Amino acid sequence: MLSRKLRLALPVAAAAVMAVVMPAGTAHAIDKVDCGPSDYLRADVHGQDYIGSFNLSFCFANKGTYNFAASGPGTAVWVDKISTGNNRVKYHDVNGATVTYPKHYIITFPNRPPHVDWIEIL
């Protein structure tokens, strides 16, 4: 028969083992989603790649970073409009400038659109 101290110590030891073995939580990564609700981050961009020029709208949900520079070799992307939706957003251009935009903020760049490197939902 187990002693009283040992019977009390076993659940504590089991909890400690589970805390080490089980992950603390799931990591969240930014997800490209279909543009729809206005609470998503939306970036309207134009660019150039090895195939030709393009105009696209990217919409994102969840916290994380999307790297436009990693879209492919020779790809250059410029931002025409950012709508943050229900997200705080950090924007980084290839010249090194980083700007943070608040929730429910819309900004357009009609004359000199910035050359985007990455965008992050905070």
N, C-alpha and C. Protein backbone atom coordinates (compact mmCIF):
# COMPACT_ATOMS: atom_id res chain seq x y z
N MET A 1 0.84 -1.17 0.00
CA MET A 1 0.00 0.00 0.00
C MET A 1 0.89 1.24 0.00
N LEU A 2 0.49 2.25 -0.75
CA LEU A 2 1.27 3.47 -0.86
C LEU A 2 1.08 4.34 0.37
N SER A 3 2.15 4.99 0.74
CA SER A 3 2.05 5.91 1.88
C SER A 3 1.21 7.12 1.47
N ARG A 4 0.73 7.80 2.47
CA ARG A 4 -0.11 8.97 2.22
C ARG A 4 0.65 10.05 1.46
N LYS A 5 1.91 10.30 1.80
CA LYS A 5 2.72 11.32 1.11
C LYS A 5 2.91 10.96 -0.36
N LEU A 6 3.16 9.70 -0.63
CA LEU A 6 3.37 9.26 -2.00
C LEU A 6 2.08 9.39 -2.82
N ARG A 7 0.93 9.06 -2.21
CA ARG A 7 -0.35 9.22 -2.91
C ARG A 7 -0.63 10.68 -3.24
N LEU A 8 -0.22 11.61 -2.39
CA LEU A 8 -0.42 13.04 -2.67
C LEU A 8 0.59 13.56 -3.68
N ALA A 9 1.79 12.97 -3.69
CA ALA A 9 2.84 13.45 -4.59
C ALA A 9 2.62 12.98 -6.03
N LEU A 10 1.99 11.85 -6.24
CA LEU A 10 1.81 11.32 -7.59
C LEU A 10 1.02 12.26 -8.52
N PRO A 11 -0.12 12.82 -8.11
CA PRO A 11 -0.82 13.75 -9.01
C PRO A 11 0.00 14.99 -9.33
N VAL A 12 0.75 15.47 -8.36
CA VAL A 12 1.59 16.65 -8.59
C VAL A 12 2.67 16.32 -9.61
N ALA A 13 3.30 15.15 -9.47
CA ALA A 13 4.34 14.73 -10.41
C ALA A 13 3.75 14.54 -11.80
N ALA A 14 2.57 13.95 -11.88
CA ALA A 14 1.92 13.75 -13.17
C ALA A 14 1.60 15.08 -13.84
N ALA A 15 1.15 16.05 -13.09
CA ALA A 15 0.85 17.38 -13.64
C ALA A 15 2.13 18.04 -14.15
N ALA A 16 3.23 17.87 -13.42
CA ALA A 16 4.50 18.47 -13.84
C ALA A 16 4.98 17.83 -15.15
N VAL A 17 4.84 16.52 -15.26
CA VAL A 17 5.23 15.84 -16.50
C VAL A 17 4.37 16.31 -17.66
N MET A 18 3.08 16.44 -17.47
CA MET A 18 2.18 16.90 -18.53
C MET A 18 2.50 18.32 -18.96
N ALA A 19 2.89 19.17 -18.01
CA ALA A 19 3.23 20.55 -18.34
C ALA A 19 4.46 20.61 -19.22
N VAL A 20 5.39 19.70 -19.02
CA VAL A 20 6.60 19.68 -19.83
C VAL A 20 6.34 19.05 -21.19
N VAL A 21 5.54 18.00 -21.23
CA VAL A 21 5.30 17.25 -22.46
C VAL A 21 4.33 17.97 -23.39
N MET A 22 3.28 18.57 -22.87
CA MET A 22 2.25 19.21 -23.69
C MET A 22 2.73 20.59 -24.12
N PRO A 23 2.45 21.00 -25.35
CA PRO A 23 2.83 22.34 -25.79
C PRO A 23 2.03 23.40 -25.04
N ALA A 24 2.63 24.58 -24.91
CA ALA A 24 2.00 25.66 -24.16
C ALA A 24 0.77 26.21 -24.88
N GLY A 25 0.76 26.17 -26.17
CA GLY A 25 -0.37 26.68 -26.95
C GLY A 25 -0.03 26.63 -28.42
N THR A 26 -0.99 26.88 -29.24
CA THR A 26 -0.74 26.82 -30.66
C THR A 26 -0.20 28.16 -31.15
N ALA A 27 0.78 28.10 -32.01
CA ALA A 27 1.32 29.32 -32.60
C ALA A 27 0.36 29.78 -33.69
N HIS A 28 0.21 31.06 -33.82
CA HIS A 28 -0.67 31.61 -34.84
C HIS A 28 0.18 32.16 -35.98
N ALA A 29 -0.25 31.93 -37.18
CA ALA A 29 0.43 32.46 -38.35
C ALA A 29 -0.58 33.19 -39.20
N ILE A 30 -0.11 34.23 -39.87
CA ILE A 30 -0.99 35.00 -40.73
C ILE A 30 -1.53 34.09 -41.84
N ASP A 31 -2.78 34.26 -42.19
CA ASP A 31 -3.41 33.46 -43.22
C ASP A 31 -3.95 34.37 -44.32
N LYS A 32 -3.66 34.00 -45.58
CA LYS A 32 -4.31 34.68 -46.70
C LYS A 32 -5.73 34.14 -46.77
N VAL A 33 -6.69 35.05 -46.87
CA VAL A 33 -8.09 34.67 -46.93
C VAL A 33 -8.75 35.38 -48.11
N ASP A 34 -9.93 34.90 -48.47
CA ASP A 34 -10.71 35.60 -49.49
C ASP A 34 -11.12 36.96 -48.94
N CYS A 35 -11.02 37.97 -49.78
CA CYS A 35 -11.43 39.31 -49.35
C CYS A 35 -12.94 39.30 -49.17
N GLY A 36 -13.38 39.81 -48.07
CA GLY A 36 -14.80 39.82 -47.77
C GLY A 36 -15.09 40.81 -46.67
N PRO A 37 -15.23 40.32 -45.45
CA PRO A 37 -15.57 41.23 -44.35
C PRO A 37 -14.51 42.33 -44.18
N SER A 38 -14.97 43.48 -43.76
CA SER A 38 -14.05 44.61 -43.64
C SER A 38 -13.16 44.51 -42.41
N ASP A 39 -13.30 43.45 -41.59
CA ASP A 39 -12.42 43.34 -40.43
C ASP A 39 -11.10 42.66 -40.77
N TYR A 40 -10.91 42.20 -42.02
CA TYR A 40 -9.64 41.65 -42.45
C TYR A 40 -8.68 42.77 -42.84
N LEU A 41 -7.39 42.48 -42.75
CA LEU A 41 -6.38 43.37 -43.32
C LEU A 41 -6.43 43.19 -44.84
N ARG A 42 -6.50 44.30 -45.56
CA ARG A 42 -6.52 44.23 -47.03
C ARG A 42 -5.42 45.12 -47.58
N ALA A 43 -4.66 44.57 -48.51
CA ALA A 43 -3.61 45.33 -49.19
C ALA A 43 -3.84 45.23 -50.69
N ASP A 44 -4.12 46.37 -51.32
CA ASP A 44 -4.26 46.42 -52.77
C ASP A 44 -2.89 46.79 -53.32
N VAL A 45 -2.35 45.95 -54.19
CA VAL A 45 -0.98 46.13 -54.66
C VAL A 45 -0.91 46.03 -56.18
N HIS A 46 0.19 46.53 -56.71
CA HIS A 46 0.52 46.26 -58.10
C HIS A 46 2.00 45.88 -58.11
N GLY A 47 2.39 45.19 -59.16
CA GLY A 47 3.77 44.74 -59.18
C GLY A 47 4.22 44.23 -60.52
N GLN A 48 5.41 43.68 -60.49
CA GLN A 48 6.07 43.17 -61.67
C GLN A 48 6.80 41.89 -61.27
N ASP A 49 6.64 40.84 -62.07
CA ASP A 49 7.42 39.62 -61.85
C ASP A 49 7.92 39.13 -63.21
N TYR A 50 8.48 37.93 -63.25
CA TYR A 50 9.06 37.43 -64.50
C TYR A 50 8.03 37.18 -65.58
N ILE A 51 6.73 37.09 -65.23
CA ILE A 51 5.67 36.87 -66.20
C ILE A 51 5.16 38.20 -66.77
N GLY A 52 5.09 39.22 -65.95
CA GLY A 52 4.59 40.52 -66.38
C GLY A 52 4.10 41.32 -65.20
N SER A 53 3.26 42.30 -65.47
CA SER A 53 2.75 43.15 -64.39
C SER A 53 1.43 42.60 -63.89
N PHE A 54 1.07 42.99 -62.66
CA PHE A 54 -0.16 42.49 -62.05
C PHE A 54 -0.74 43.53 -61.10
N ASN A 55 -2.04 43.44 -60.87
CA ASN A 55 -2.78 44.19 -59.86
C ASN A 55 -3.55 43.17 -59.04
N LEU A 56 -3.32 43.15 -57.72
CA LEU A 56 -3.96 42.15 -56.86
C LEU A 56 -4.43 42.78 -55.57
N SER A 57 -5.37 42.11 -54.93
CA SER A 57 -5.78 42.45 -53.57
C SER A 57 -5.49 41.24 -52.69
N PHE A 58 -4.76 41.47 -51.62
CA PHE A 58 -4.45 40.44 -50.65
C PHE A 58 -5.23 40.74 -49.38
N CYS A 59 -5.86 39.73 -48.81
CA CYS A 59 -6.54 39.87 -47.53
C CYS A 59 -5.98 38.85 -46.55
N PHE A 60 -5.85 39.29 -45.29
CA PHE A 60 -5.20 38.48 -44.28
C PHE A 60 -6.00 38.45 -42.99
N ALA A 61 -5.90 37.33 -42.30
CA ALA A 61 -6.49 37.18 -40.97
C ALA A 61 -5.43 36.54 -40.07
N ASN A 62 -5.55 36.74 -38.80
CA ASN A 62 -4.68 36.18 -37.77
C ASN A 62 -3.34 36.91 -37.67
N LYS A 63 -2.81 36.86 -36.48
CA LYS A 63 -1.55 37.51 -36.17
C LYS A 63 -0.40 36.84 -36.92
N GLY A 64 0.52 37.63 -37.45
CA GLY A 64 1.68 37.08 -38.14
C GLY A 64 2.19 38.02 -39.20
N THR A 65 3.16 37.56 -39.97
CA THR A 65 3.83 38.38 -40.97
C THR A 65 3.72 37.73 -42.35
N TYR A 66 3.47 38.55 -43.36
CA TYR A 66 3.49 38.09 -44.74
C TYR A 66 4.61 38.81 -45.46
N ASN A 67 5.51 38.06 -46.05
CA ASN A 67 6.68 38.61 -46.72
C ASN A 67 6.43 38.68 -48.22
N PHE A 68 6.16 39.88 -48.73
CA PHE A 68 5.93 40.07 -50.16
C PHE A 68 7.21 39.82 -50.94
N ALA A 69 8.36 40.14 -50.35
CA ALA A 69 9.64 39.97 -51.03
C ALA A 69 9.93 38.51 -51.34
N ALA A 70 9.33 37.59 -50.58
CA ALA A 70 9.54 36.16 -50.81
C ALA A 70 8.55 35.58 -51.81
N SER A 71 7.80 36.43 -52.51
CA SER A 71 6.80 35.95 -53.46
C SER A 71 7.42 35.20 -54.62
N GLY A 72 8.66 35.50 -54.91
CA GLY A 72 9.35 34.81 -55.99
C GLY A 72 10.51 35.65 -56.49
N PRO A 73 11.45 35.04 -57.16
CA PRO A 73 12.61 35.78 -57.66
C PRO A 73 12.19 36.82 -58.69
N GLY A 74 12.73 37.99 -58.57
CA GLY A 74 12.43 39.05 -59.51
C GLY A 74 11.09 39.72 -59.31
N THR A 75 10.40 39.43 -58.22
CA THR A 75 9.10 40.03 -57.96
C THR A 75 9.25 41.32 -57.18
N ALA A 76 8.62 42.37 -57.66
CA ALA A 76 8.59 43.66 -56.97
C ALA A 76 7.13 44.05 -56.77
N VAL A 77 6.78 44.46 -55.54
CA VAL A 77 5.39 44.76 -55.19
C VAL A 77 5.31 46.15 -54.58
N TRP A 78 4.36 46.97 -55.06
CA TRP A 78 4.11 48.30 -54.52
C TRP A 78 2.68 48.33 -53.97
N VAL A 79 2.49 49.01 -52.86
CA VAL A 79 1.19 49.08 -52.21
C VAL A 79 0.44 50.32 -52.67
N ASP A 80 -0.80 50.13 -53.13
CA ASP A 80 -1.66 51.24 -53.53
C ASP A 80 -2.59 51.65 -52.40
N LYS A 81 -3.02 50.68 -51.58
CA LYS A 81 -3.98 50.96 -50.50
C LYS A 81 -3.85 49.91 -49.42
N ILE A 82 -3.94 50.35 -48.17
CA ILE A 82 -3.99 49.45 -47.02
C ILE A 82 -5.24 49.78 -46.22
N SER A 83 -6.03 48.76 -45.92
CA SER A 83 -7.17 48.89 -45.03
C SER A 83 -6.93 47.90 -43.89
N THR A 84 -6.74 48.41 -42.68
CA THR A 84 -6.33 47.56 -41.57
C THR A 84 -7.45 46.71 -40.99
N GLY A 85 -8.71 47.08 -41.22
CA GLY A 85 -9.81 46.33 -40.64
C GLY A 85 -9.73 46.35 -39.12
N ASN A 86 -9.95 45.22 -38.50
CA ASN A 86 -9.95 45.14 -37.04
C ASN A 86 -8.57 44.68 -36.54
N ASN A 87 -7.50 45.22 -37.14
CA ASN A 87 -6.14 44.79 -36.83
C ASN A 87 -5.21 45.98 -36.69
N ARG A 88 -4.28 45.87 -35.75
CA ARG A 88 -3.14 46.80 -35.73
C ARG A 88 -2.13 46.20 -36.69
N VAL A 89 -1.56 47.04 -37.57
CA VAL A 89 -0.72 46.55 -38.66
C VAL A 89 0.60 47.29 -38.68
N LYS A 90 1.67 46.53 -38.90
CA LYS A 90 2.99 47.12 -39.10
C LYS A 90 3.39 46.86 -40.54
N TYR A 91 3.83 47.91 -41.21
CA TYR A 91 4.20 47.85 -42.62
C TYR A 91 5.68 48.18 -42.74
N HIS A 92 6.42 47.42 -43.55
CA HIS A 92 7.85 47.65 -43.73
C HIS A 92 8.16 47.71 -45.23
N ASP A 93 8.80 48.79 -45.67
CA ASP A 93 9.14 48.86 -47.08
C ASP A 93 10.61 48.49 -47.30
N VAL A 94 10.99 48.33 -48.56
CA VAL A 94 12.35 47.85 -48.87
C VAL A 94 13.42 48.88 -48.53
N ASN A 95 13.05 50.12 -48.31
CA ASN A 95 14.02 51.15 -47.92
C ASN A 95 14.29 51.15 -46.42
N GLY A 96 13.59 50.30 -45.67
CA GLY A 96 13.82 50.20 -44.24
C GLY A 96 12.83 50.95 -43.37
N ALA A 97 11.90 51.67 -43.96
CA ALA A 97 10.90 52.40 -43.17
C ALA A 97 9.87 51.42 -42.63
N THR A 98 9.55 51.57 -41.34
CA THR A 98 8.52 50.74 -40.71
C THR A 98 7.48 51.67 -40.10
N VAL A 99 6.22 51.44 -40.43
CA VAL A 99 5.12 52.27 -39.94
C VAL A 99 4.06 51.36 -39.33
N THR A 100 3.51 51.77 -38.19
CA THR A 100 2.43 51.03 -37.56
C THR A 100 1.13 51.80 -37.76
N TYR A 101 0.10 51.09 -38.21
CA TYR A 101 -1.21 51.69 -38.44
C TYR A 101 -2.20 51.13 -37.42
N PRO A 102 -3.13 51.96 -36.92
CA PRO A 102 -4.11 51.49 -35.94
C PRO A 102 -5.24 50.71 -36.60
N LYS A 103 -6.10 50.15 -35.76
CA LYS A 103 -7.30 49.45 -36.25
C LYS A 103 -8.20 50.40 -37.02
N HIS A 104 -8.94 49.87 -37.97
CA HIS A 104 -9.95 50.61 -38.75
C HIS A 104 -9.35 51.84 -39.44
N TYR A 105 -8.20 51.67 -40.04
CA TYR A 105 -7.47 52.75 -40.70
C TYR A 105 -7.32 52.41 -42.17
N ILE A 106 -7.55 53.40 -43.03
CA ILE A 106 -7.39 53.21 -44.47
C ILE A 106 -6.43 54.28 -44.98
N ILE A 107 -5.42 53.84 -45.73
CA ILE A 107 -4.48 54.79 -46.32
C ILE A 107 -4.25 54.40 -47.77
N THR A 108 -4.22 55.41 -48.65
CA THR A 108 -3.94 55.17 -50.06
C THR A 108 -2.67 55.90 -50.45
N PHE A 109 -2.00 55.37 -51.45
CA PHE A 109 -0.77 55.95 -51.97
C PHE A 109 -0.94 56.18 -53.47
N PRO A 110 -1.64 57.28 -53.86
CA PRO A 110 -1.98 57.46 -55.28
C PRO A 110 -0.80 57.87 -56.16
N ASN A 111 0.17 58.61 -55.62
CA ASN A 111 1.23 59.16 -56.46
C ASN A 111 2.56 58.42 -56.36
N ARG A 112 2.97 58.10 -55.15
CA ARG A 112 4.25 57.43 -54.95
C ARG A 112 4.07 56.22 -54.03
N PRO A 113 3.53 55.12 -54.56
CA PRO A 113 3.28 53.96 -53.71
C PRO A 113 4.60 53.37 -53.19
N PRO A 114 4.61 52.97 -51.93
CA PRO A 114 5.83 52.38 -51.36
C PRO A 114 6.07 50.96 -51.87
N HIS A 115 7.33 50.64 -52.01
CA HIS A 115 7.77 49.30 -52.42
C HIS A 115 7.77 48.43 -51.18
N VAL A 116 6.80 47.55 -51.05
CA VAL A 116 6.57 46.79 -49.82
C VAL A 116 7.55 45.62 -49.70
N ASP A 117 8.01 45.39 -48.47
CA ASP A 117 8.85 44.25 -48.16
C ASP A 117 7.99 43.21 -47.43
N TRP A 118 7.42 43.60 -46.28
CA TRP A 118 6.51 42.72 -45.53
C TRP A 118 5.47 43.53 -44.79
N ILE A 119 4.41 42.82 -44.39
CA ILE A 119 3.33 43.43 -43.64
C ILE A 119 2.98 42.47 -42.50
N GLU A 120 2.65 43.02 -41.34
CA GLU A 120 2.43 42.19 -40.16
C GLU A 120 1.18 42.61 -39.43
N ILE A 121 0.39 41.64 -39.01
CA ILE A 121 -0.74 41.88 -38.11
C ILE A 121 -0.21 41.68 -36.70
N LEU A 122 -0.36 42.73 -35.88
CA LEU A 122 0.18 42.67 -34.50
C LEU A 122 -0.79 42.04 -33.54
